[in-house]
Amino acid sequence: MHDYIHTKPNQTSPAITPITEPIIQSQNVIETTTTSSGFISR
């Protein structure tokens, strides 16, 4: 899922990358936190 979000903007327009990078990192932190807390079961 993250690969799609990560590669798609680069293919479409590289200018989006600096904006997308922090968002992806933030989502990773949120997912890790919620998963370890037990809110999300996969």
PDB file of N, CA and C in Angstrom:
ATOM      1  N   MET A   1       0.840  -1.198   0.000  1.00  0.00           N
ATOM      2  CA  MET A   1       0.000   0.000   0.000  1.00  0.00           C
ATOM      3  C   MET A   1       0.876   1.250   0.000  1.00  0.00           C
ATOM      4  N   HIS A   2       1.895   1.220   0.850  1.00  0.00           N
ATOM      5  CA  HIS A   2       2.768   2.386   0.930  1.00  0.00           C
ATOM      6  C   HIS A   2       3.601   2.537  -0.341  1.00  0.00           C
ATOM      7  N   ASP A   3       3.906   1.402  -0.988  1.00  0.00           N
ATOM      8  CA  ASP A   3       4.677   1.462  -2.225  1.00  0.00           C
ATOM      9  C   ASP A   3       3.899   2.215  -3.297  1.00  0.00           C
ATOM     10  N   TYR A   4       2.594   1.986  -3.364  1.00  0.00           N
ATOM     11  CA  TYR A   4       1.763   2.668  -4.355  1.00  0.00           C
ATOM     12  C   TYR A   4       1.760   4.167  -4.092  1.00  0.00           C
ATOM     13  N   ILE A   5       1.575   4.547  -2.834  1.00  0.00           N
ATOM     14  CA  ILE A   5       1.542   5.971  -2.479  1.00  0.00           C
ATOM     15  C   ILE A   5       2.906   6.599  -2.729  1.00  0.00           C
ATOM     16  N   HIS A   6       3.948   5.817  -2.497  1.00  0.00           N
ATOM     17  CA  HIS A   6       5.306   6.356  -2.564  1.00  0.00           C
ATOM     18  C   HIS A   6       5.762   6.550  -4.011  1.00  0.00           C
ATOM     19  N   THR A   7       5.422   5.607  -4.888  1.00  0.00           N
ATOM     20  CA  THR A   7       5.935   5.650  -6.253  1.00  0.00           C
ATOM     21  C   THR A   7       5.043   6.460  -7.191  1.00  0.00           C
ATOM     22  N   LYS A   8       3.749   6.465  -6.945  1.00  0.00           N
ATOM     23  CA  LYS A   8       2.816   7.123  -7.856  1.00  0.00           C
ATOM     24  C   LYS A   8       3.102   8.619  -8.040  1.00  0.00           C
ATOM     25  N   PRO A   9       3.279   9.392  -6.955  1.00  0.00           N
ATOM     26  CA  PRO A   9       3.553  10.826  -7.120  1.00  0.00           C
ATOM     27  C   PRO A   9       4.853  11.076  -7.886  1.00  0.00           C
ATOM     28  N   ASN A  10       5.849  10.203  -7.690  1.00  0.00           N
ATOM     29  CA  ASN A  10       7.122  10.365  -8.381  1.00  0.00           C
ATOM     30  C   ASN A  10       6.941  10.207  -9.890  1.00  0.00           C
ATOM     31  N   GLN A  11       6.064   9.298 -10.278  1.00  0.00           N
ATOM     32  CA  GLN A  11       5.821   9.072 -11.698  1.00  0.00           C
ATOM     33  C   GLN A  11       4.986  10.207 -12.287  1.00  0.00           C
ATOM     34  N   THR A  12       4.051  10.716 -11.503  1.00  0.00           N
ATOM     35  CA  THR A  12       3.150  11.744 -12.007  1.00  0.00           C
ATOM     36  C   THR A  12       3.830  13.104 -12.035  1.00  0.00           C
ATOM     37  N   SER A  13       4.217  13.608 -10.861  1.00  0.00           N
ATOM     38  CA  SER A  13       4.945  14.871 -10.807  1.00  0.00           C
ATOM     39  C   SER A  13       5.848  14.895  -9.581  1.00  0.00           C
ATOM     40  N   PRO A  14       7.143  15.003  -9.790  1.00  0.00           N
ATOM     41  CA  PRO A  14       8.130  14.961  -8.704  1.00  0.00           C
ATOM     42  C   PRO A  14       7.938  16.080  -7.680  1.00  0.00           C
ATOM     43  N   ALA A  15       7.246  17.148  -8.059  1.00  0.00           N
ATOM     44  CA  ALA A  15       7.069  18.288  -7.155  1.00  0.00           C
ATOM     45  C   ALA A  15       6.234  17.903  -5.936  1.00  0.00           C
ATOM     46  N   ILE A  16       5.443  16.839  -6.063  1.00  0.00           N
ATOM     47  CA  ILE A  16       4.573  16.419  -4.962  1.00  0.00           C
ATOM     48  C   ILE A  16       5.370  15.671  -3.895  1.00  0.00           C
ATOM     49  N   THR A  17       6.498  15.098  -4.301  1.00  0.00           N
ATOM     50  CA  THR A  17       7.275  14.241  -3.405  1.00  0.00           C
ATOM     51  C   THR A  17       7.615  14.877  -2.059  1.00  0.00           C
ATOM     52  N   PRO A  18       8.148  16.111  -2.023  1.00  0.00           N
ATOM     53  CA  PRO A  18       8.497  16.712  -0.723  1.00  0.00           C
ATOM     54  C   PRO A  18       7.287  16.853   0.196  1.00  0.00           C
ATOM     55  N   ILE A  19       6.110  16.996  -0.384  1.00  0.00           N
ATOM     56  CA  ILE A  19       4.891  17.123   0.419  1.00  0.00           C
ATOM     57  C   ILE A  19       4.426  15.745   0.885  1.00  0.00           C
ATOM     58  N   THR A  20       4.599  14.751   0.028  1.00  0.00           N
ATOM     59  CA  THR A  20       4.092  13.418   0.334  1.00  0.00           C
ATOM     60  C   THR A  20       4.969  12.689   1.346  1.00  0.00           C
ATOM     61  N   GLU A  21       6.277  12.912   1.294  1.00  0.00           N
ATOM     62  CA  GLU A  21       7.213  12.196   2.163  1.00  0.00           C
ATOM     63  C   GLU A  21       6.855  12.277   3.649  1.00  0.00           C
ATOM     64  N   PRO A  22       6.667  13.477   4.203  1.00  0.00           N
ATOM     65  CA  PRO A  22       6.345  13.577   5.638  1.00  0.00           C
ATOM     66  C   PRO A  22       5.017  12.907   5.974  1.00  0.00           C
ATOM     67  N   ILE A  23       4.075  12.959   5.042  1.00  0.00           N
ATOM     68  CA  ILE A  23       2.769  12.339   5.267  1.00  0.00           C
ATOM     69  C   ILE A  23       2.923  10.827   5.388  1.00  0.00           C
ATOM     70  N   ILE A  24       3.726  10.242   4.500  1.00  0.00           N
ATOM     71  CA  ILE A  24       3.956   8.795   4.541  1.00  0.00           C
ATOM     72  C   ILE A  24       4.632   8.411   5.853  1.00  0.00           C
ATOM     73  N   GLN A  25       5.614   9.199   6.271  1.00  0.00           N
ATOM     74  CA  GLN A  25       6.320   8.914   7.521  1.00  0.00           C
ATOM     75  C   GLN A  25       5.366   9.020   8.698  1.00  0.00           C
ATOM     76  N   SER A  26       4.493  10.024   8.673  1.00  0.00           N
ATOM     77  CA  SER A  26       3.527  10.207   9.758  1.00  0.00           C
ATOM     78  C   SER A  26       2.570   9.024   9.821  1.00  0.00           C
ATOM     79  N   GLN A  27       2.121   8.552   8.657  1.00  0.00           N
ATOM     80  CA  GLN A  27       1.198   7.422   8.611  1.00  0.00           C
ATOM     81  C   GLN A  27       1.873   6.166   9.153  1.00  0.00           C
ATOM     82  N   ASN A  28       3.162   5.994   8.849  1.00  0.00           N
ATOM     83  CA  ASN A  28       3.896   4.842   9.355  1.00  0.00           C
ATOM     84  C   ASN A  28       3.947   4.871  10.876  1.00  0.00           C
ATOM     85  N   VAL A  29       4.197   6.040  11.436  1.00  0.00           N
ATOM     86  CA  VAL A  29       4.264   6.188  12.894  1.00  0.00           C
ATOM     87  C   VAL A  29       2.907   5.892  13.516  1.00  0.00           C
ATOM     88  N   ILE A  30       1.856   6.432  12.905  1.00  0.00           N
ATOM     89  CA  ILE A  30       0.498   6.224  13.422  1.00  0.00           C
ATOM     90  C   ILE A  30       0.123   4.745  13.366  1.00  0.00           C
ATOM     91  N   GLU A  31       0.433   4.087  12.252  1.00  0.00           N
ATOM     92  CA  GLU A  31       0.101   2.670  12.111  1.00  0.00           C
ATOM     93  C   GLU A  31       0.854   1.842  13.149  1.00  0.00           C
ATOM     94  N   THR A  32       2.128   2.151  13.329  1.00  0.00           N
ATOM     95  CA  THR A  32       2.943   1.405  14.285  1.00  0.00           C
ATOM     96  C   THR A  32       2.409   1.591  15.696  1.00  0.00           C
ATOM     97  N   THR A  33       2.038   2.814  16.022  1.00  0.00           N
ATOM     98  CA  THR A  33       1.538   3.116  17.366  1.00  0.00           C
ATOM     99  C   THR A  33       0.217   2.412  17.630  1.00  0.00           C
ATOM    100  N   THR A  34      -0.711   2.522  16.686  1.00  0.00           N
ATOM    101  CA  THR A  34      -2.035   1.930  16.886  1.00  0.00           C
ATOM    102  C   THR A  34      -1.950   0.409  16.888  1.00  0.00           C
ATOM    103  N   THR A  35      -1.082  -0.145  16.051  1.00  0.00           N
ATOM    104  CA  THR A  35      -0.960  -1.598  15.976  1.00  0.00           C
ATOM    105  C   THR A  35      -0.380  -2.149  17.273  1.00  0.00           C
ATOM    106  N   SER A  36       0.669  -1.512  17.784  1.00  0.00           N
ATOM    107  CA  SER A  36       1.307  -1.984  19.010  1.00  0.00           C
ATOM    108  C   SER A  36       0.384  -1.790  20.206  1.00  0.00           C
ATOM    109  N   SER A  37      -0.514  -0.820  20.101  1.00  0.00           N
ATOM    110  CA  SER A  37      -1.452  -0.564  21.194  1.00  0.00           C
ATOM    111  C   SER A  37      -2.618  -1.550  21.157  1.00  0.00           C
ATOM    112  N   GLY A  38      -2.776  -2.229  20.020  1.00  0.00           N
ATOM    113  CA  GLY A  38      -3.799  -3.261  19.926  1.00  0.00           C
ATOM    114  C   GLY A  38      -5.112  -2.756  19.364  1.00  0.00           C
ATOM    115  N   PHE A  39      -5.149  -1.526  18.863  1.00  0.00           N
ATOM    116  CA  PHE A  39      -6.394  -0.990  18.306  1.00  0.00           C
ATOM    117  C   PHE A  39      -6.674  -1.611  16.939  1.00  0.00           C
ATOM    118  N   ILE A  40      -5.601  -1.918  16.205  1.00  0.00           N
ATOM    119  CA  ILE A  40      -5.778  -2.506  14.878  1.00  0.00           C
ATOM    120  C   ILE A  40      -5.252  -3.939  14.898  1.00  0.00           C
ATOM    121  N   SER A  41      -6.083  -4.887  14.488  1.00  0.00           N
ATOM    122  CA  SER A  41      -5.641  -6.273  14.408  1.00  0.00           C
ATOM    123  C   SER A  41      -5.636  -6.686  12.948  1.00  0.00           C
ATOM    124  N   ARG A  42      -4.460  -7.126  12.460  1.00  0.00           N
ATOM    125  CA  ARG A  42      -4.372  -7.472  11.042  1.00  0.00           C
ATOM    126  C   ARG A  42      -4.109  -8.960  10.902  1.00  0.00           C
TER     127      ARG A  42
END
